[in-house]
């Protein structure tokens, strides 16, 4: 197995559908919307096992101060191999001159993000308006 990393915004619907559903994210049921969404993110890094998309991280930013990491996902068959951490490191390097990098973490994944250098806010909570169920 040879994992490669790319900076790309070009995906087909099947690639994104398979990856998002592998982690049971409901957005995977809307692959055409995901294809369009990926084109709109400022920064997208991916992990591939040959031609199979196995990991993805993406962010939007204000151009100078704050970047928001929106998605980070790694196919469960590839978790525990350092792929997620490597994707986070790529994003941290890209935004190293920014004053803030923000991520909303599910409670079960908070420990992973803390190990990557993120800190839980003590005085704020993420809030959403959403039709997605995961």
N, C-alpha and C. Protein backbone atom coordinates (compact mmCIF):
# COMPACT_ATOMS: atom_id res chain seq x y z
N UNK A 1 0.85 -1.18 0.00
CA UNK A 1 0.00 0.00 0.00
C UNK A 1 0.90 1.24 0.00
N UNK A 2 0.60 2.14 -0.92
CA UNK A 2 1.36 3.38 -1.03
C UNK A 2 0.39 4.55 -0.98
N UNK A 3 0.42 5.28 0.12
CA UNK A 3 -0.48 6.43 0.30
C UNK A 3 0.18 7.66 -0.30
N UNK A 4 -0.57 8.36 -1.15
CA UNK A 4 -0.09 9.62 -1.71
C UNK A 4 -1.04 10.73 -1.29
N UNK A 5 -0.51 11.94 -1.25
CA UNK A 5 -1.28 13.11 -0.84
C UNK A 5 -1.32 14.10 -1.98
N UNK A 6 -2.48 14.72 -2.16
CA UNK A 6 -2.65 15.67 -3.25
C UNK A 6 -3.37 16.92 -2.76
N UNK A 7 -3.14 17.99 -3.48
CA UNK A 7 -3.87 19.25 -3.32
C UNK A 7 -4.79 19.34 -4.54
N UNK A 8 -6.06 19.00 -4.37
CA UNK A 8 -6.98 18.97 -5.51
C UNK A 8 -8.39 19.37 -5.09
N UNK A 9 -9.11 19.94 -6.02
CA UNK A 9 -10.52 20.28 -5.83
C UNK A 9 -11.41 19.47 -6.77
N UNK A 10 -10.80 18.59 -7.55
CA UNK A 10 -11.52 17.84 -8.57
C UNK A 10 -11.81 16.41 -8.11
N UNK A 11 -13.08 16.11 -7.98
CA UNK A 11 -13.54 14.79 -7.56
C UNK A 11 -14.73 14.38 -8.41
N UNK A 12 -14.95 13.08 -8.48
CA UNK A 12 -16.23 12.65 -9.04
C UNK A 12 -17.15 12.29 -7.88
N UNK A 13 -18.43 12.25 -8.16
CA UNK A 13 -19.43 12.05 -7.11
C UNK A 13 -19.22 10.71 -6.39
N UNK A 14 -18.85 9.68 -7.11
CA UNK A 14 -18.68 8.35 -6.52
C UNK A 14 -17.55 8.34 -5.49
N UNK A 15 -16.43 9.01 -5.79
CA UNK A 15 -15.31 9.07 -4.85
C UNK A 15 -15.75 9.68 -3.53
N UNK A 16 -16.45 10.81 -3.62
CA UNK A 16 -16.88 11.49 -2.39
C UNK A 16 -17.96 10.71 -1.67
N UNK A 17 -18.90 10.16 -2.42
CA UNK A 17 -19.96 9.36 -1.81
C UNK A 17 -19.36 8.21 -0.99
N UNK A 18 -18.45 7.46 -1.58
CA UNK A 18 -17.84 6.32 -0.90
C UNK A 18 -17.09 6.74 0.36
N UNK A 19 -16.31 7.81 0.27
CA UNK A 19 -15.54 8.25 1.43
C UNK A 19 -16.46 8.74 2.55
N UNK A 20 -17.41 9.59 2.23
CA UNK A 20 -18.28 10.15 3.26
C UNK A 20 -19.17 9.08 3.89
N UNK A 21 -19.66 8.15 3.10
CA UNK A 21 -20.50 7.09 3.67
C UNK A 21 -19.66 6.08 4.46
N UNK A 22 -18.36 5.97 4.15
CA UNK A 22 -17.50 5.05 4.91
C UNK A 22 -17.42 5.48 6.38
N UNK A 23 -17.57 6.77 6.65
CA UNK A 23 -17.55 7.27 8.03
C UNK A 23 -18.96 7.60 8.53
N UNK A 24 -19.95 7.16 7.75
CA UNK A 24 -21.36 7.30 8.11
C UNK A 24 -21.80 8.75 8.25
N UNK A 25 -21.27 9.62 7.39
CA UNK A 25 -21.71 11.01 7.37
C UNK A 25 -22.84 11.16 6.36
N UNK A 26 -23.94 11.74 6.80
CA UNK A 26 -25.12 11.85 5.96
C UNK A 26 -24.90 12.69 4.71
N UNK A 27 -23.92 13.56 4.71
CA UNK A 27 -23.64 14.35 3.51
C UNK A 27 -23.21 13.46 2.35
N UNK A 28 -22.80 12.25 2.62
CA UNK A 28 -22.46 11.31 1.56
C UNK A 28 -23.64 10.92 0.69
N UNK A 29 -24.85 11.15 1.19
CA UNK A 29 -26.05 10.88 0.40
C UNK A 29 -26.34 11.98 -0.62
N UNK A 30 -25.49 13.00 -0.64
CA UNK A 30 -25.65 14.13 -1.56
C UNK A 30 -24.34 14.35 -2.32
N UNK A 31 -23.88 13.33 -3.05
CA UNK A 31 -22.55 13.40 -3.67
C UNK A 31 -22.41 14.53 -4.69
N UNK A 32 -23.46 14.85 -5.43
CA UNK A 32 -23.36 15.94 -6.40
C UNK A 32 -23.15 17.28 -5.70
N UNK A 33 -23.78 17.45 -4.55
CA UNK A 33 -23.57 18.68 -3.77
C UNK A 33 -22.15 18.71 -3.22
N UNK A 34 -21.64 17.56 -2.80
CA UNK A 34 -20.27 17.51 -2.30
C UNK A 34 -19.27 17.89 -3.38
N UNK A 35 -19.48 17.42 -4.60
CA UNK A 35 -18.59 17.77 -5.71
C UNK A 35 -18.56 19.29 -5.88
N UNK A 36 -19.73 19.92 -5.88
CA UNK A 36 -19.80 21.38 -6.01
C UNK A 36 -19.16 22.07 -4.82
N UNK A 37 -19.41 21.55 -3.63
CA UNK A 37 -18.85 22.15 -2.41
C UNK A 37 -17.32 22.13 -2.43
N UNK A 38 -16.74 21.02 -2.85
CA UNK A 38 -15.28 20.90 -2.85
C UNK A 38 -14.64 21.95 -3.74
N UNK A 39 -15.30 22.32 -4.82
CA UNK A 39 -14.76 23.34 -5.72
C UNK A 39 -14.74 24.72 -5.04
N UNK A 40 -15.58 24.91 -4.04
CA UNK A 40 -15.69 26.21 -3.38
C UNK A 40 -14.78 26.37 -2.17
N UNK A 41 -14.21 25.28 -1.67
CA UNK A 41 -13.30 25.41 -0.54
C UNK A 41 -11.98 26.01 -1.02
N UNK A 42 -11.40 26.86 -0.20
CA UNK A 42 -10.12 27.48 -0.53
C UNK A 42 -9.00 26.44 -0.60
N UNK A 43 -8.96 25.54 0.38
CA UNK A 43 -7.87 24.59 0.49
C UNK A 43 -8.44 23.18 0.68
N UNK A 44 -7.97 22.25 -0.13
CA UNK A 44 -8.37 20.85 -0.02
C UNK A 44 -7.13 19.98 -0.18
N UNK A 45 -6.90 19.11 0.79
CA UNK A 45 -5.84 18.11 0.70
C UNK A 45 -6.49 16.73 0.79
N UNK A 46 -5.95 15.79 0.05
CA UNK A 46 -6.52 14.46 0.01
C UNK A 46 -5.45 13.40 0.19
N UNK A 47 -5.91 12.21 0.61
CA UNK A 47 -5.04 11.04 0.71
C UNK A 47 -5.62 9.96 -0.20
N UNK A 48 -4.74 9.28 -0.92
CA UNK A 48 -5.15 8.27 -1.90
C UNK A 48 -4.37 6.99 -1.71
N UNK A 49 -5.04 5.87 -1.87
CA UNK A 49 -4.41 4.57 -1.98
C UNK A 49 -4.59 4.17 -3.44
N UNK A 50 -3.55 4.36 -4.23
CA UNK A 50 -3.63 4.25 -5.68
C UNK A 50 -4.71 5.21 -6.19
N UNK A 51 -5.80 4.73 -6.77
CA UNK A 51 -6.83 5.65 -7.28
C UNK A 51 -8.05 5.72 -6.36
N UNK A 52 -7.93 5.23 -5.14
CA UNK A 52 -9.04 5.27 -4.17
C UNK A 52 -8.84 6.43 -3.20
N UNK A 53 -9.84 7.32 -3.13
CA UNK A 53 -9.84 8.42 -2.18
C UNK A 53 -10.08 7.85 -0.78
N UNK A 54 -9.12 8.04 0.12
CA UNK A 54 -9.23 7.45 1.46
C UNK A 54 -9.22 8.49 2.57
N UNK A 55 -8.93 9.75 2.23
CA UNK A 55 -8.92 10.79 3.25
C UNK A 55 -9.03 12.16 2.62
N UNK A 56 -9.55 13.10 3.41
CA UNK A 56 -9.78 14.45 2.89
C UNK A 56 -9.85 15.43 4.05
N UNK A 57 -9.29 16.60 3.82
CA UNK A 57 -9.43 17.73 4.74
C UNK A 57 -9.63 18.97 3.89
N UNK A 58 -10.50 19.87 4.32
CA UNK A 58 -10.71 21.09 3.55
C UNK A 58 -10.99 22.26 4.49
N UNK A 59 -10.71 23.45 3.99
CA UNK A 59 -10.88 24.65 4.81
C UNK A 59 -11.31 25.83 3.96
N UNK A 60 -11.95 26.76 4.62
CA UNK A 60 -12.24 28.07 4.04
C UNK A 60 -11.59 29.09 4.94
N UNK A 61 -11.30 30.26 4.40
CA UNK A 61 -10.60 31.26 5.21
C UNK A 61 -10.98 32.67 4.77
N UNK A 62 -10.57 33.63 5.60
CA UNK A 62 -10.85 35.04 5.29
C UNK A 62 -9.68 35.71 4.59
N UNK A 63 -8.65 34.94 4.28
CA UNK A 63 -7.52 35.46 3.52
C UNK A 63 -6.37 36.00 4.35
N UNK A 64 -6.54 36.13 5.67
CA UNK A 64 -5.45 36.71 6.45
C UNK A 64 -5.42 36.33 7.93
N UNK A 65 -6.59 36.15 8.55
CA UNK A 65 -6.60 35.94 10.00
C UNK A 65 -7.13 34.58 10.46
N UNK A 66 -8.22 34.12 9.87
CA UNK A 66 -8.90 32.93 10.39
C UNK A 66 -9.19 31.94 9.27
N UNK A 67 -8.89 30.68 9.55
CA UNK A 67 -9.22 29.57 8.65
C UNK A 67 -10.14 28.62 9.41
N UNK A 68 -11.12 28.09 8.70
CA UNK A 68 -12.08 27.16 9.27
C UNK A 68 -11.93 25.80 8.57
N UNK A 69 -11.47 24.81 9.31
CA UNK A 69 -11.43 23.46 8.76
C UNK A 69 -12.85 22.91 8.85
N UNK A 70 -13.38 22.52 7.71
CA UNK A 70 -14.76 22.06 7.69
C UNK A 70 -14.86 20.55 7.74
N UNK A 71 -14.14 19.85 6.90
CA UNK A 71 -14.18 18.40 6.87
C UNK A 71 -12.79 17.84 7.14
N UNK A 72 -12.74 16.80 7.93
CA UNK A 72 -11.58 15.92 8.02
C UNK A 72 -12.15 14.52 8.17
N UNK A 73 -11.88 13.68 7.20
CA UNK A 73 -12.35 12.31 7.29
C UNK A 73 -11.36 11.36 6.66
N UNK A 74 -11.25 10.19 7.26
CA UNK A 74 -10.39 9.12 6.77
C UNK A 74 -11.21 7.83 6.80
N UNK A 75 -11.20 7.13 5.68
CA UNK A 75 -11.89 5.85 5.59
C UNK A 75 -11.49 4.97 6.78
N UNK A 76 -12.46 4.37 7.49
CA UNK A 76 -12.14 3.57 8.67
C UNK A 76 -11.12 2.45 8.42
N UNK A 77 -11.07 1.91 7.22
CA UNK A 77 -10.09 0.87 6.92
C UNK A 77 -8.65 1.40 6.96
N UNK A 78 -8.49 2.72 6.94
CA UNK A 78 -7.17 3.35 6.92
C UNK A 78 -6.89 4.18 8.18
N UNK A 79 -7.81 4.17 9.12
CA UNK A 79 -7.60 4.95 10.33
C UNK A 79 -6.53 4.30 11.20
N UNK A 80 -5.86 5.12 11.99
CA UNK A 80 -4.79 4.63 12.86
C UNK A 80 -3.44 4.52 12.16
N UNK A 81 -3.36 5.03 10.94
CA UNK A 81 -2.12 4.95 10.17
C UNK A 81 -1.42 6.31 10.07
N UNK A 82 -1.94 7.33 10.75
CA UNK A 82 -1.33 8.65 10.71
C UNK A 82 -1.80 9.52 9.56
N UNK A 83 -2.77 9.06 8.79
CA UNK A 83 -3.24 9.81 7.62
C UNK A 83 -3.95 11.09 8.05
N UNK A 84 -4.85 11.00 9.02
CA UNK A 84 -5.55 12.18 9.51
C UNK A 84 -4.58 13.21 10.08
N UNK A 85 -3.63 12.75 10.85
CA UNK A 85 -2.64 13.66 11.43
C UNK A 85 -1.82 14.34 10.33
N UNK A 86 -1.46 13.59 9.31
CA UNK A 86 -0.68 14.19 8.21
C UNK A 86 -1.50 15.24 7.47
N UNK A 87 -2.80 14.97 7.26
CA UNK A 87 -3.66 15.96 6.61
C UNK A 87 -3.79 17.22 7.46
N UNK A 88 -3.93 17.05 8.78
CA UNK A 88 -3.99 18.22 9.67
C UNK A 88 -2.70 19.00 9.60
N UNK A 89 -1.57 18.32 9.60
CA UNK A 89 -0.27 19.01 9.53
C UNK A 89 -0.15 19.82 8.25
N UNK A 90 -0.64 19.29 7.14
CA UNK A 90 -0.61 20.04 5.88
C UNK A 90 -1.44 21.32 6.01
N UNK A 91 -2.59 21.21 6.64
CA UNK A 91 -3.45 22.38 6.81
C UNK A 91 -2.80 23.39 7.76
N UNK A 92 -2.21 22.90 8.85
CA UNK A 92 -1.54 23.82 9.79
C UNK A 92 -0.39 24.55 9.10
N UNK A 93 0.34 23.87 8.24
CA UNK A 93 1.43 24.53 7.53
C UNK A 93 0.89 25.59 6.58
N UNK A 94 -0.17 25.26 5.86
CA UNK A 94 -0.77 26.23 4.93
C UNK A 94 -1.19 27.50 5.64
N UNK A 95 -1.75 27.33 6.83
CA UNK A 95 -2.30 28.48 7.57
C UNK A 95 -1.42 28.91 8.75
N UNK A 96 -0.14 28.61 8.70
CA UNK A 96 0.76 28.91 9.81
C UNK A 96 0.85 30.40 10.14
N UNK A 97 0.61 31.27 9.18
CA UNK A 97 0.70 32.70 9.44
C UNK A 97 -0.64 33.31 9.86
N UNK A 98 -1.67 32.51 9.90
CA UNK A 98 -2.99 32.99 10.34
C UNK A 98 -3.03 33.04 11.87
N UNK A 99 -3.89 33.86 12.41
CA UNK A 99 -3.98 34.02 13.85
C UNK A 99 -4.86 32.95 14.51
N UNK A 100 -5.73 32.31 13.71
CA UNK A 100 -6.63 31.31 14.28
C UNK A 100 -6.99 30.28 13.22
N UNK A 101 -6.93 29.00 13.62
CA UNK A 101 -7.44 27.90 12.83
C UNK A 101 -8.53 27.25 13.67
N UNK A 102 -9.73 27.17 13.12
CA UNK A 102 -10.89 26.69 13.87
C UNK A 102 -11.35 25.35 13.30
N UNK A 103 -11.73 24.45 14.19
CA UNK A 103 -12.38 23.20 13.79
C UNK A 103 -13.47 22.89 14.80
N UNK A 104 -14.59 22.40 14.34
CA UNK A 104 -15.65 21.93 15.21
C UNK A 104 -15.49 20.42 15.29
N UNK A 105 -15.19 19.91 16.48
CA UNK A 105 -14.93 18.48 16.65
C UNK A 105 -16.09 17.83 17.40
N UNK A 106 -16.50 16.66 16.92
CA UNK A 106 -17.43 15.85 17.70
C UNK A 106 -16.70 15.41 18.97
N UNK A 107 -17.43 15.25 20.05
CA UNK A 107 -16.82 14.92 21.34
C UNK A 107 -15.94 13.68 21.26
N UNK A 108 -16.36 12.67 20.50
CA UNK A 108 -15.58 11.43 20.39
C UNK A 108 -14.22 11.64 19.73
N UNK A 109 -14.10 12.69 18.92
CA UNK A 109 -12.84 12.94 18.21
C UNK A 109 -12.01 14.06 18.85
N UNK A 110 -12.49 14.66 19.91
CA UNK A 110 -11.79 15.80 20.51
C UNK A 110 -10.36 15.45 20.91
N UNK A 111 -10.14 14.26 21.43
CA UNK A 111 -8.79 13.86 21.83
C UNK A 111 -7.81 13.86 20.67
N UNK A 112 -8.27 13.42 19.49
CA UNK A 112 -7.42 13.44 18.31
C UNK A 112 -6.98 14.86 17.99
N UNK A 113 -7.93 15.79 18.00
CA UNK A 113 -7.61 17.18 17.65
C UNK A 113 -6.73 17.83 18.71
N UNK A 114 -6.94 17.48 19.97
CA UNK A 114 -6.06 18.00 21.02
C UNK A 114 -4.63 17.51 20.80
N UNK A 115 -4.48 16.26 20.39
CA UNK A 115 -3.14 15.72 20.10
C UNK A 115 -2.50 16.41 18.90
N UNK A 116 -3.33 17.04 18.05
CA UNK A 116 -2.82 17.79 16.89
C UNK A 116 -2.58 19.26 17.22
N UNK A 117 -2.79 19.65 18.48
CA UNK A 117 -2.49 21.01 18.90
C UNK A 117 -3.69 21.93 19.09
N UNK A 118 -4.89 21.44 18.85
CA UNK A 118 -6.09 22.26 19.06
C UNK A 118 -6.48 22.25 20.53
N UNK A 119 -7.17 23.29 20.96
CA UNK A 119 -7.65 23.39 22.34
C UNK A 119 -9.15 23.59 22.34
N UNK A 120 -9.82 22.98 23.32
CA UNK A 120 -11.26 23.20 23.47
C UNK A 120 -11.50 24.61 23.99
N UNK A 121 -12.51 25.26 23.45
CA UNK A 121 -12.88 26.58 23.96
C UNK A 121 -13.55 26.41 25.32
N UNK A 122 -13.21 27.28 26.23
CA UNK A 122 -13.79 27.20 27.56
C UNK A 122 -15.05 28.06 27.69
N UNK A 123 -15.23 28.96 26.73
CA UNK A 123 -16.33 29.91 26.86
C UNK A 123 -17.25 29.96 25.65
N UNK A 124 -17.22 28.91 24.81
CA UNK A 124 -18.08 28.92 23.63
C UNK A 124 -18.45 27.50 23.24
N UNK A 125 -19.51 27.39 22.46
CA UNK A 125 -19.98 26.10 21.95
C UNK A 125 -20.36 26.27 20.49
N UNK A 126 -20.08 25.25 19.66
CA UNK A 126 -20.53 25.34 18.26
C UNK A 126 -22.05 25.27 18.20
N UNK A 127 -22.60 25.96 17.23
CA UNK A 127 -24.05 25.96 17.04
C UNK A 127 -24.34 25.78 15.56
N UNK A 128 -25.44 25.14 15.22
CA UNK A 128 -25.76 24.80 13.84
C UNK A 128 -27.22 25.04 13.52
N UNK A 129 -27.49 25.27 12.26
CA UNK A 129 -28.80 25.08 11.65
C UNK A 129 -28.52 24.08 10.54
N UNK A 130 -29.12 22.89 10.61
CA UNK A 130 -28.75 21.85 9.66
C UNK A 130 -29.90 20.91 9.36
N UNK A 131 -29.87 20.33 8.17
CA UNK A 131 -30.81 19.27 7.82
C UNK A 131 -30.10 17.92 7.76
N UNK A 132 -28.79 17.91 8.01
CA UNK A 132 -28.03 16.66 8.03
C UNK A 132 -28.21 15.98 9.38
N UNK A 133 -28.13 14.69 9.41
CA UNK A 133 -28.35 13.96 10.67
C UNK A 133 -27.07 13.43 11.28
N UNK A 134 -25.93 13.50 10.57
CA UNK A 134 -24.63 13.18 11.17
C UNK A 134 -23.60 14.15 10.65
